Amino acid sequence: MDAVRGVDLQTPRSPRLDVFVDARRAIQPRRFAVFGQVDLDRLGRVQQLQVRRLILCSGKVYVDLMTSEHREKHSAIAIARIEQLYLFPVDDVKSVLDGYPNLEEVVWLQEEPENMGAWEFLQPHLTELTSRRWPLRYISRPRSSSPAEGSSAWHALNQKALIEQAYSLKSGAVVEKVTVERE
């Protein structure tokens, strides 16, 4: 036991870390192509002609998308993780966009609320890259003064709704905010 913090430093890895390690193992075989700072999933790269939606994201939400039960069912969706947001990799993202001849829309997905995360920074760059070719949408939690819901159960529900919305192929509003209403 660490006397200062009251933490047992001899314990094995936490269960949460095990989930992350398992998720990484699930993702590694899927990695097919890397365009500089943009990492594409195997399914979206192999079936280029079928892809109608490209989901761009960064961080942990990529793991949630790739390990979702919806992934194998949606060959019309490609997922690209942008690993470096600043300096924005314009050429890398442009080459990814040009690789899908039947693309109908581009989506930025972030798990952070609308007024947090990378959307505010990326919107001008993505708008310039997609202008007149594809509609640009984004999916996120609604604006909030706090990045957390305050409950792990509500976070899990909202995260599940966010992933389901990302895999939904219905076209709609340019901005989609995902939240689960409390009863």
N, C-alpha and C. Protein backbone atom coordinates (compact mmCIF):
# COMPACT_ATOMS: atom_id res chain seq x y z
N MET A 1 0.83 -1.20 0.00
CA MET A 1 0.00 0.00 0.00
C MET A 1 0.87 1.26 0.00
N ASP A 2 0.50 2.16 -0.81
CA ASP A 2 1.16 3.46 -0.82
C ASP A 2 0.53 4.27 0.31
N ALA A 3 1.31 4.62 1.32
CA ALA A 3 0.77 5.29 2.50
C ALA A 3 0.19 6.66 2.17
N VAL A 4 0.74 7.32 1.18
CA VAL A 4 0.28 8.67 0.85
C VAL A 4 -1.09 8.62 0.17
N ARG A 5 -1.26 7.76 -0.80
CA ARG A 5 -2.49 7.73 -1.58
C ARG A 5 -3.45 6.63 -1.17
N GLY A 6 -3.00 5.66 -0.40
CA GLY A 6 -3.86 4.55 -0.02
C GLY A 6 -4.15 3.62 -1.19
N VAL A 7 -3.21 3.51 -2.13
CA VAL A 7 -3.38 2.69 -3.32
C VAL A 7 -2.46 1.48 -3.24
N ASP A 8 -2.97 0.32 -3.53
CA ASP A 8 -2.15 -0.88 -3.52
C ASP A 8 -1.42 -0.96 -4.86
N LEU A 9 -0.13 -0.72 -4.85
CA LEU A 9 0.65 -0.70 -6.08
C LEU A 9 1.02 -2.09 -6.56
N GLN A 10 0.71 -3.12 -5.80
CA GLN A 10 1.06 -4.49 -6.17
C GLN A 10 -0.04 -5.20 -6.94
N THR A 11 -1.19 -4.57 -7.14
CA THR A 11 -2.32 -5.24 -7.80
C THR A 11 -2.03 -5.41 -9.28
N PRO A 12 -2.64 -6.44 -9.90
CA PRO A 12 -2.48 -6.59 -11.34
C PRO A 12 -3.24 -5.49 -12.07
N ARG A 13 -3.15 -5.52 -13.39
CA ARG A 13 -3.81 -4.49 -14.19
C ARG A 13 -5.28 -4.37 -13.84
N SER A 14 -5.79 -3.19 -14.00
CA SER A 14 -7.20 -2.98 -13.71
C SER A 14 -8.05 -3.62 -14.81
N PRO A 15 -9.30 -3.99 -14.51
CA PRO A 15 -10.17 -4.57 -15.54
C PRO A 15 -10.40 -3.61 -16.70
N ARG A 16 -10.43 -2.31 -16.44
CA ARG A 16 -10.64 -1.32 -17.50
C ARG A 16 -9.50 -1.38 -18.51
N LEU A 17 -8.27 -1.52 -18.03
CA LEU A 17 -7.12 -1.63 -18.92
C LEU A 17 -7.20 -2.91 -19.75
N ASP A 18 -7.68 -3.99 -19.14
CA ASP A 18 -7.84 -5.24 -19.88
C ASP A 18 -8.81 -5.07 -21.04
N VAL A 19 -9.88 -4.30 -20.84
CA VAL A 19 -10.84 -4.04 -21.92
C VAL A 19 -10.14 -3.31 -23.06
N PHE A 20 -9.31 -2.31 -22.71
CA PHE A 20 -8.60 -1.56 -23.74
C PHE A 20 -7.63 -2.46 -24.50
N VAL A 21 -6.90 -3.31 -23.77
CA VAL A 21 -5.96 -4.22 -24.42
C VAL A 21 -6.70 -5.18 -25.33
N ASP A 22 -7.84 -5.72 -24.89
CA ASP A 22 -8.64 -6.59 -25.75
C ASP A 22 -9.14 -5.85 -26.98
N ALA A 23 -9.53 -4.60 -26.81
CA ALA A 23 -10.00 -3.81 -27.95
C ALA A 23 -8.88 -3.59 -28.94
N ARG A 24 -7.67 -3.34 -28.45
CA ARG A 24 -6.52 -3.16 -29.36
C ARG A 24 -6.25 -4.42 -30.14
N ARG A 25 -6.36 -5.57 -29.47
CA ARG A 25 -6.15 -6.84 -30.18
C ARG A 25 -7.20 -7.02 -31.27
N ALA A 26 -8.43 -6.58 -31.00
CA ALA A 26 -9.50 -6.71 -31.98
C ALA A 26 -9.26 -5.79 -33.17
N ILE A 27 -8.64 -4.66 -32.93
CA ILE A 27 -8.42 -3.68 -34.01
C ILE A 27 -7.21 -4.02 -34.85
N GLN A 28 -6.14 -4.49 -34.26
CA GLN A 28 -4.90 -4.69 -34.98
C GLN A 28 -5.05 -5.47 -36.28
N PRO A 29 -5.76 -6.60 -36.34
CA PRO A 29 -5.86 -7.31 -37.60
C PRO A 29 -6.59 -6.53 -38.68
N ARG A 30 -7.40 -5.56 -38.29
CA ARG A 30 -8.19 -4.80 -39.25
C ARG A 30 -7.37 -3.71 -39.95
N ARG A 31 -6.28 -3.31 -39.34
CA ARG A 31 -5.51 -2.21 -39.92
C ARG A 31 -5.01 -2.63 -41.29
N PHE A 32 -5.32 -1.82 -42.26
CA PHE A 32 -4.96 -2.18 -43.63
C PHE A 32 -4.11 -1.11 -44.27
N ALA A 33 -4.51 0.12 -44.12
CA ALA A 33 -3.79 1.19 -44.80
C ALA A 33 -3.61 2.37 -43.87
N VAL A 34 -2.46 2.98 -43.95
CA VAL A 34 -2.21 4.19 -43.20
C VAL A 34 -1.73 5.24 -44.19
N PHE A 35 -2.46 6.36 -44.24
CA PHE A 35 -2.07 7.49 -45.09
C PHE A 35 -1.48 8.55 -44.17
N GLY A 36 -0.20 8.48 -43.92
CA GLY A 36 0.44 9.44 -43.04
C GLY A 36 -0.18 9.41 -41.66
N GLN A 37 -0.97 10.41 -41.33
CA GLN A 37 -1.59 10.52 -40.01
C GLN A 37 -3.04 10.04 -39.99
N VAL A 38 -3.50 9.37 -41.04
CA VAL A 38 -4.87 8.88 -41.11
C VAL A 38 -4.83 7.36 -41.22
N ASP A 39 -5.51 6.69 -40.31
CA ASP A 39 -5.53 5.24 -40.22
C ASP A 39 -6.90 4.73 -40.66
N LEU A 40 -6.94 3.90 -41.70
CA LEU A 40 -8.21 3.37 -42.22
C LEU A 40 -8.45 1.95 -41.74
N ASP A 41 -9.73 1.62 -41.53
CA ASP A 41 -10.05 0.24 -41.17
C ASP A 41 -10.02 -0.65 -42.42
N ARG A 42 -9.79 -1.92 -42.22
CA ARG A 42 -9.66 -2.87 -43.32
C ARG A 42 -10.94 -2.99 -44.13
N LEU A 43 -12.08 -3.10 -43.47
CA LEU A 43 -13.35 -3.31 -44.18
C LEU A 43 -13.64 -2.16 -45.14
N GLY A 44 -13.45 -0.93 -44.70
CA GLY A 44 -13.69 0.23 -45.57
C GLY A 44 -12.70 0.33 -46.70
N ARG A 45 -11.48 -0.13 -46.51
CA ARG A 45 -10.47 -0.05 -47.56
C ARG A 45 -10.67 -1.14 -48.61
N VAL A 46 -11.07 -2.34 -48.18
CA VAL A 46 -11.23 -3.45 -49.10
C VAL A 46 -12.47 -3.25 -49.99
N GLN A 47 -13.52 -2.68 -49.44
CA GLN A 47 -14.78 -2.53 -50.17
C GLN A 47 -15.02 -1.07 -50.56
N GLN A 48 -14.05 -0.49 -51.24
CA GLN A 48 -14.11 0.92 -51.59
C GLN A 48 -15.34 1.30 -52.41
N LEU A 49 -15.76 0.47 -53.32
CA LEU A 49 -16.89 0.80 -54.19
C LEU A 49 -18.22 0.80 -53.46
N GLN A 50 -18.32 0.10 -52.34
CA GLN A 50 -19.57 0.03 -51.59
C GLN A 50 -19.73 1.15 -50.58
N VAL A 51 -18.65 1.83 -50.24
CA VAL A 51 -18.68 2.82 -49.17
C VAL A 51 -19.48 4.05 -49.60
N ARG A 52 -20.50 4.38 -48.77
CA ARG A 52 -21.32 5.57 -48.99
C ARG A 52 -21.09 6.63 -47.92
N ARG A 53 -20.61 6.20 -46.74
CA ARG A 53 -20.35 7.14 -45.64
C ARG A 53 -18.94 6.91 -45.11
N LEU A 54 -18.23 8.01 -44.93
CA LEU A 54 -16.91 7.96 -44.31
C LEU A 54 -17.02 8.64 -42.95
N ILE A 55 -16.70 7.89 -41.90
CA ILE A 55 -16.70 8.45 -40.55
C ILE A 55 -15.26 8.79 -40.18
N LEU A 56 -15.03 10.06 -39.90
CA LEU A 56 -13.73 10.53 -39.42
C LEU A 56 -13.83 10.73 -37.92
N CYS A 57 -12.84 10.29 -37.19
CA CYS A 57 -12.85 10.44 -35.74
C CYS A 57 -11.42 10.45 -35.23
N SER A 58 -11.29 10.61 -33.92
CA SER A 58 -9.99 10.60 -33.29
C SER A 58 -10.15 10.08 -31.87
N GLY A 59 -9.16 9.33 -31.41
CA GLY A 59 -9.16 8.90 -30.02
C GLY A 59 -9.96 7.65 -29.73
N LYS A 60 -10.48 7.56 -28.51
CA LYS A 60 -11.13 6.37 -27.99
C LYS A 60 -12.40 5.98 -28.75
N VAL A 61 -13.09 6.93 -29.32
CA VAL A 61 -14.33 6.60 -30.02
C VAL A 61 -14.04 5.68 -31.22
N TYR A 62 -12.83 5.73 -31.75
CA TYR A 62 -12.44 4.81 -32.82
C TYR A 62 -12.48 3.37 -32.33
N VAL A 63 -12.00 3.13 -31.13
CA VAL A 63 -12.02 1.79 -30.53
C VAL A 63 -13.47 1.33 -30.37
N ASP A 64 -14.33 2.23 -29.90
CA ASP A 64 -15.74 1.89 -29.72
C ASP A 64 -16.40 1.56 -31.05
N LEU A 65 -16.08 2.30 -32.09
CA LEU A 65 -16.64 2.02 -33.43
C LEU A 65 -16.17 0.67 -33.96
N MET A 66 -14.88 0.40 -33.82
CA MET A 66 -14.32 -0.82 -34.38
C MET A 66 -14.74 -2.07 -33.63
N THR A 67 -15.00 -1.96 -32.34
CA THR A 67 -15.38 -3.13 -31.56
C THR A 67 -16.89 -3.28 -31.43
N SER A 68 -17.64 -2.41 -32.06
CA SER A 68 -19.10 -2.48 -32.02
C SER A 68 -19.61 -3.67 -32.83
N GLU A 69 -20.73 -4.23 -32.38
CA GLU A 69 -21.34 -5.34 -33.14
C GLU A 69 -21.88 -4.88 -34.49
N HIS A 70 -22.02 -3.57 -34.69
CA HIS A 70 -22.53 -3.02 -35.95
C HIS A 70 -21.47 -3.02 -37.05
N ARG A 71 -20.18 -3.09 -36.70
CA ARG A 71 -19.11 -2.90 -37.69
C ARG A 71 -19.19 -3.87 -38.87
N GLU A 72 -19.31 -5.15 -38.62
CA GLU A 72 -19.29 -6.13 -39.71
C GLU A 72 -20.55 -6.07 -40.56
N LYS A 73 -21.64 -5.51 -40.02
CA LYS A 73 -22.91 -5.45 -40.75
C LYS A 73 -22.98 -4.29 -41.73
N HIS A 74 -22.10 -3.33 -41.62
CA HIS A 74 -22.19 -2.11 -42.42
C HIS A 74 -20.98 -1.93 -43.32
N SER A 75 -21.00 -2.60 -44.44
CA SER A 75 -19.89 -2.47 -45.38
C SER A 75 -19.94 -1.16 -46.17
N ALA A 76 -21.05 -0.43 -46.05
CA ALA A 76 -21.18 0.85 -46.74
C ALA A 76 -20.58 2.00 -45.92
N ILE A 77 -19.97 1.66 -44.80
CA ILE A 77 -19.37 2.68 -43.94
C ILE A 77 -17.89 2.39 -43.77
N ALA A 78 -17.09 3.40 -44.00
CA ALA A 78 -15.64 3.30 -43.76
C ALA A 78 -15.31 4.20 -42.57
N ILE A 79 -14.32 3.79 -41.80
CA ILE A 79 -13.92 4.55 -40.62
C ILE A 79 -12.45 4.92 -40.75
N ALA A 80 -12.17 6.19 -40.53
CA ALA A 80 -10.79 6.67 -40.58
C ALA A 80 -10.48 7.43 -39.30
N ARG A 81 -9.40 7.06 -38.66
CA ARG A 81 -8.96 7.75 -37.44
C ARG A 81 -7.87 8.73 -37.82
N ILE A 82 -8.08 9.97 -37.47
CA ILE A 82 -7.06 11.00 -37.69
C ILE A 82 -6.21 11.04 -36.43
N GLU A 83 -4.97 10.66 -36.55
CA GLU A 83 -4.10 10.53 -35.38
C GLU A 83 -3.45 11.84 -34.98
N GLN A 84 -3.33 12.75 -35.91
CA GLN A 84 -2.72 14.05 -35.60
C GLN A 84 -3.69 15.13 -36.05
N LEU A 85 -4.20 15.91 -35.11
CA LEU A 85 -5.17 16.94 -35.45
C LEU A 85 -4.50 18.27 -35.80
N TYR A 86 -3.36 18.54 -35.21
CA TYR A 86 -2.65 19.78 -35.49
C TYR A 86 -1.20 19.44 -35.78
N LEU A 87 -0.74 19.85 -36.74
CA LEU A 87 -1.12 20.46 -37.98
C LEU A 87 -2.03 19.49 -38.73
N PHE A 88 -3.15 19.98 -39.18
CA PHE A 88 -4.13 19.12 -39.81
C PHE A 88 -3.55 18.49 -41.08
N PRO A 89 -3.64 17.16 -41.21
CA PRO A 89 -3.05 16.47 -42.37
C PRO A 89 -3.94 16.57 -43.61
N VAL A 90 -3.98 17.72 -44.23
CA VAL A 90 -4.86 18.00 -45.36
C VAL A 90 -4.64 16.99 -46.49
N ASP A 91 -3.41 16.78 -46.89
CA ASP A 91 -3.13 15.88 -48.02
C ASP A 91 -3.53 14.45 -47.71
N ASP A 92 -3.29 13.99 -46.48
CA ASP A 92 -3.65 12.63 -46.10
C ASP A 92 -5.17 12.42 -46.13
N VAL A 93 -5.91 13.37 -45.58
CA VAL A 93 -7.37 13.26 -45.57
C VAL A 93 -7.92 13.37 -46.99
N LYS A 94 -7.34 14.23 -47.80
CA LYS A 94 -7.78 14.38 -49.19
C LYS A 94 -7.59 13.07 -49.96
N SER A 95 -6.47 12.40 -49.75
CA SER A 95 -6.24 11.14 -50.46
C SER A 95 -7.21 10.05 -49.97
N VAL A 96 -7.60 10.09 -48.70
CA VAL A 96 -8.60 9.14 -48.20
C VAL A 96 -9.95 9.42 -48.85
N LEU A 97 -10.35 10.68 -48.89
CA LEU A 97 -11.63 11.06 -49.49
C LEU A 97 -11.69 10.67 -50.96
N ASP A 98 -10.59 10.89 -51.67
CA ASP A 98 -10.55 10.57 -53.11
C ASP A 98 -10.58 9.07 -53.38
N GLY A 99 -10.32 8.26 -52.35
CA GLY A 99 -10.30 6.81 -52.53
C GLY A 99 -11.66 6.15 -52.55
N TYR A 100 -12.74 6.93 -52.35
CA TYR A 100 -14.09 6.37 -52.33
C TYR A 100 -14.94 7.02 -53.42
N PRO A 101 -15.05 6.37 -54.59
CA PRO A 101 -15.76 6.98 -55.72
C PRO A 101 -17.27 7.13 -55.51
N ASN A 102 -17.88 6.31 -54.66
CA ASN A 102 -19.33 6.36 -54.46
C ASN A 102 -19.72 6.99 -53.12
N LEU A 103 -18.82 7.74 -52.55
CA LEU A 103 -19.07 8.36 -51.26
C LEU A 103 -20.22 9.36 -51.37
N GLU A 104 -21.13 9.33 -50.38
CA GLU A 104 -22.27 10.24 -50.37
C GLU A 104 -22.21 11.26 -49.25
N GLU A 105 -21.51 10.94 -48.16
CA GLU A 105 -21.42 11.89 -47.06
C GLU A 105 -20.18 11.61 -46.21
N VAL A 106 -19.73 12.67 -45.54
CA VAL A 106 -18.60 12.58 -44.63
C VAL A 106 -19.11 13.01 -43.26
N VAL A 107 -18.72 12.24 -42.24
CA VAL A 107 -19.19 12.50 -40.88
C VAL A 107 -18.00 12.66 -39.95
N TRP A 108 -18.01 13.70 -39.12
CA TRP A 108 -17.05 13.80 -38.03
C TRP A 108 -17.78 13.32 -36.78
N LEU A 109 -17.20 12.35 -36.10
CA LEU A 109 -17.79 11.79 -34.88
C LEU A 109 -16.88 12.08 -33.71
N GLN A 110 -17.45 12.65 -32.66
CA GLN A 110 -16.69 12.85 -31.43
C GLN A 110 -17.57 12.52 -30.25
N GLU A 111 -16.96 11.95 -29.22
CA GLU A 111 -17.73 11.59 -28.03
C GLU A 111 -17.88 12.77 -27.08
N GLU A 112 -17.08 13.79 -27.26
CA GLU A 112 -17.19 14.97 -26.42
C GLU A 112 -18.42 15.79 -26.83
N PRO A 113 -18.91 16.64 -25.92
CA PRO A 113 -20.02 17.53 -26.30
C PRO A 113 -19.65 18.43 -27.46
N GLU A 114 -20.66 18.98 -28.09
CA GLU A 114 -20.48 19.81 -29.29
C GLU A 114 -19.50 20.96 -29.08
N ASN A 115 -19.54 21.59 -27.92
CA ASN A 115 -18.69 22.75 -27.67
C ASN A 115 -17.31 22.36 -27.11
N MET A 116 -17.02 21.06 -27.10
CA MET A 116 -15.71 20.59 -26.66
C MET A 116 -15.16 19.67 -27.75
N GLY A 117 -13.98 19.18 -27.59
CA GLY A 117 -13.44 18.26 -28.58
C GLY A 117 -12.88 19.01 -29.77
N ALA A 118 -12.66 18.29 -30.84
CA ALA A 118 -11.93 18.81 -31.99
C ALA A 118 -12.80 19.48 -33.05
N TRP A 119 -14.12 19.36 -32.97
CA TRP A 119 -15.00 19.84 -34.04
C TRP A 119 -14.78 21.32 -34.36
N GLU A 120 -14.69 22.16 -33.36
CA GLU A 120 -14.53 23.59 -33.59
C GLU A 120 -13.27 23.89 -34.42
N PHE A 121 -12.21 23.15 -34.16
CA PHE A 121 -10.96 23.34 -34.90
C PHE A 121 -11.02 22.73 -36.29
N LEU A 122 -11.63 21.53 -36.41
CA LEU A 122 -11.61 20.79 -37.67
C LEU A 122 -12.64 21.26 -38.69
N GLN A 123 -13.71 21.88 -38.24
CA GLN A 123 -14.80 22.24 -39.15
C GLN A 123 -14.33 23.04 -40.38
N PRO A 124 -13.53 24.09 -40.23
CA PRO A 124 -13.11 24.81 -41.44
C PRO A 124 -12.27 23.95 -42.39
N HIS A 125 -11.41 23.10 -41.85
CA HIS A 125 -10.57 22.24 -42.69
C HIS A 125 -11.43 21.21 -43.44
N LEU A 126 -12.34 20.57 -42.72
CA LEU A 126 -13.19 19.55 -43.35
C LEU A 126 -14.17 20.17 -44.32
N THR A 127 -14.68 21.35 -44.02
CA THR A 127 -15.60 22.04 -44.93
C THR A 127 -14.90 22.34 -46.25
N GLU A 128 -13.68 22.79 -46.16
CA GLU A 128 -12.92 23.09 -47.38
C GLU A 128 -12.66 21.83 -48.21
N LEU A 129 -12.34 20.73 -47.54
CA LEU A 129 -12.06 19.48 -48.25
C LEU A 129 -13.30 18.84 -48.87
N THR A 130 -14.46 19.04 -48.26
CA THR A 130 -15.68 18.37 -48.74
C THR A 130 -16.60 19.27 -49.53
N SER A 131 -16.32 20.55 -49.59
CA SER A 131 -17.25 21.50 -50.20
C SER A 131 -17.61 21.10 -51.63
N ARG A 132 -18.90 21.15 -51.88
CA ARG A 132 -19.51 20.87 -53.20
C ARG A 132 -19.40 19.41 -53.64
N ARG A 133 -18.75 18.58 -52.89
CA ARG A 133 -18.66 17.17 -53.28
C ARG A 133 -19.55 16.29 -52.42
N TRP A 134 -19.46 16.48 -51.10
CA TRP A 134 -20.25 15.67 -50.17
C TRP A 134 -20.74 16.54 -49.04
N PRO A 135 -21.90 16.20 -48.49
CA PRO A 135 -22.33 16.94 -47.29
C PRO A 135 -21.45 16.54 -46.10
N LEU A 136 -21.17 17.50 -45.25
CA LEU A 136 -20.38 17.26 -44.05
C LEU A 136 -21.32 17.30 -42.85
N ARG A 137 -21.36 16.23 -42.10
CA ARG A 137 -22.18 16.14 -40.89
C ARG A 137 -21.27 15.88 -39.71
N TYR A 138 -21.79 16.15 -38.54
CA TYR A 138 -21.05 15.72 -37.36
C TYR A 138 -22.03 15.18 -36.34
N ILE A 139 -21.53 14.24 -35.58
CA ILE A 139 -22.33 13.59 -34.56
C ILE A 139 -21.58 13.74 -33.24
N SER A 140 -22.29 14.24 -32.25
CA SER A 140 -21.67 14.43 -30.93
C SER A 140 -22.75 14.50 -29.87
N ARG A 141 -22.31 14.61 -28.65
CA ARG A 141 -23.24 14.89 -27.55
C ARG A 141 -23.63 16.37 -27.64
N PRO A 142 -24.78 16.73 -27.07
CA PRO A 142 -25.17 18.15 -27.12
C PRO A 142 -24.23 19.04 -26.30
N ARG A 143 -24.30 20.34 -26.56
CA ARG A 143 -23.47 21.29 -25.81
C ARG A 143 -23.66 21.09 -24.32
N SER A 144 -22.58 21.26 -23.58
CA SER A 144 -22.63 21.03 -22.14
C SER A 144 -21.55 21.84 -21.46
N SER A 145 -21.79 22.19 -20.20
CA SER A 145 -20.76 22.89 -19.45
C SER A 145 -19.77 21.92 -18.82
N SER A 146 -20.10 20.63 -18.90
CA SER A 146 -19.23 19.61 -18.33
C SER A 146 -18.98 18.52 -19.37
N PRO A 147 -17.78 17.96 -19.45
CA PRO A 147 -17.52 16.90 -20.43
C PRO A 147 -18.11 15.56 -20.02
N ALA A 148 -18.55 15.43 -18.79
CA ALA A 148 -19.05 14.13 -18.31
C ALA A 148 -20.53 14.23 -17.93
N GLU A 149 -21.22 13.09 -18.03
CA GLU A 149 -22.63 13.04 -17.66
C GLU A 149 -22.83 12.99 -16.15
N GLY A 150 -21.81 12.59 -15.42
CA GLY A 150 -21.91 12.49 -13.98
C GLY A 150 -22.27 11.10 -13.50
N SER A 151 -22.47 10.19 -14.42
CA SER A 151 -22.83 8.81 -14.08
C SER A 151 -22.26 7.90 -15.15
N SER A 152 -21.61 6.84 -14.72
CA SER A 152 -21.05 5.91 -15.71
C SER A 152 -22.15 5.19 -16.48
N ALA A 153 -23.31 4.98 -15.85
CA ALA A 153 -24.43 4.34 -16.53
C ALA A 153 -24.96 5.24 -17.65
N TRP A 154 -25.11 6.55 -17.37
CA TRP A 154 -25.58 7.48 -18.41
C TRP A 154 -24.53 7.63 -19.51
N HIS A 155 -23.27 7.63 -19.12
CA HIS A 155 -22.22 7.71 -20.14
C HIS A 155 -22.28 6.50 -21.07
N ALA A 156 -22.45 5.31 -20.51
CA ALA A 156 -22.53 4.09 -21.33
C ALA A 156 -23.74 4.15 -22.27
N LEU A 157 -24.88 4.61 -21.78
CA LEU A 157 -26.07 4.72 -22.63
C LEU A 157 -25.87 5.73 -23.74
N ASN A 158 -25.31 6.89 -23.40
CA ASN A 158 -25.07 7.91 -24.42
C ASN A 158 -24.01 7.47 -25.41
N GLN A 159 -23.00 6.75 -24.95
CA GLN A 159 -21.96 6.26 -25.86
C GLN A 159 -22.56 5.25 -26.84
N LYS A 160 -23.42 4.37 -26.35
CA LYS A 160 -24.08 3.39 -27.21
C LYS A 160 -24.96 4.09 -28.25
N ALA A 161 -25.69 5.11 -27.83
CA ALA A 161 -26.53 5.88 -28.77
C ALA A 161 -25.67 6.59 -29.81
N LEU A 162 -24.53 7.09 -29.40
CA LEU A 162 -23.61 7.77 -30.31
C LEU A 162 -23.11 6.81 -31.39
N ILE A 163 -22.73 5.61 -30.99
CA ILE A 163 -22.23 4.60 -31.94
C ILE A 163 -23.34 4.15 -32.87
N GLU A 164 -24.53 3.94 -32.33
CA GLU A 164 -25.66 3.53 -33.17
C GLU A 164 -26.00 4.61 -34.20
N GLN A 165 -25.95 5.87 -33.81
CA GLN A 165 -26.21 6.96 -34.75
C GLN A 165 -25.14 7.00 -35.83
N ALA A 166 -23.90 6.73 -35.47
CA ALA A 166 -22.82 6.73 -36.46
C ALA A 166 -23.05 5.64 -37.51
N TYR A 167 -23.58 4.51 -37.12
CA TYR A 167 -23.81 3.41 -38.06
C TYR A 167 -25.16 3.49 -38.76
N SER A 168 -26.00 4.43 -38.37
CA SER A 168 -27.28 4.61 -39.05
C SER A 168 -27.05 5.32 -40.37
N LEU A 169 -27.52 4.74 -41.45
CA LEU A 169 -27.27 5.32 -42.77
C LEU A 169 -28.35 6.28 -43.24
N LYS A 170 -29.31 6.58 -42.40
CA LYS A 170 -30.32 7.54 -42.82
C LYS A 170 -29.70 8.93 -42.87
N SER A 171 -29.96 9.63 -43.93
CA SER A 171 -29.44 10.99 -44.06
C SER A 171 -30.41 11.94 -43.39
N GLY A 172 -29.87 12.96 -42.83
CA GLY A 172 -30.74 13.89 -42.12
C GLY A 172 -30.07 15.22 -41.98
N ALA A 173 -30.22 15.78 -40.81
CA ALA A 173 -29.69 17.11 -40.54
C ALA A 173 -28.17 17.11 -40.61
N VAL A 174 -27.64 18.29 -40.82
CA VAL A 174 -26.20 18.44 -40.88
C VAL A 174 -25.59 18.20 -39.51
N VAL A 175 -26.30 18.61 -38.47
CA VAL A 175 -25.81 18.47 -37.11
C VAL A 175 -26.69 17.47 -36.38
N GLU A 176 -26.08 16.48 -35.77
CA GLU A 176 -26.83 15.52 -34.99
C GLU A 176 -26.23 15.46 -33.61
N LYS A 177 -27.06 15.72 -32.62
CA LYS A 177 -26.63 15.66 -31.23
C LYS A 177 -27.29 14.43 -30.63
N VAL A 178 -26.52 13.64 -29.96
CA VAL A 178 -27.02 12.38 -29.42
C VAL A 178 -27.09 12.47 -27.91
N THR A 179 -28.24 12.16 -27.37
CA THR A 179 -28.40 12.07 -25.92
C THR A 179 -29.55 11.14 -25.60
N VAL A 180 -29.46 10.52 -24.47
CA VAL A 180 -30.55 9.67 -23.98
C VAL A 180 -31.28 10.47 -22.93
N GLU A 181 -32.60 10.58 -23.08
CA GLU A 181 -33.40 11.34 -22.13
C GLU A 181 -33.53 10.60 -20.82
N ARG A 182 -33.36 11.30 -19.73
CA ARG A 182 -33.55 10.72 -18.40
C ARG A 182 -35.04 10.72 -18.09
N GLU A 183 -35.47 9.62 -17.48
CA GLU A 183 -36.90 9.51 -17.14
C GLU A 183 -37.17 9.94 -15.73
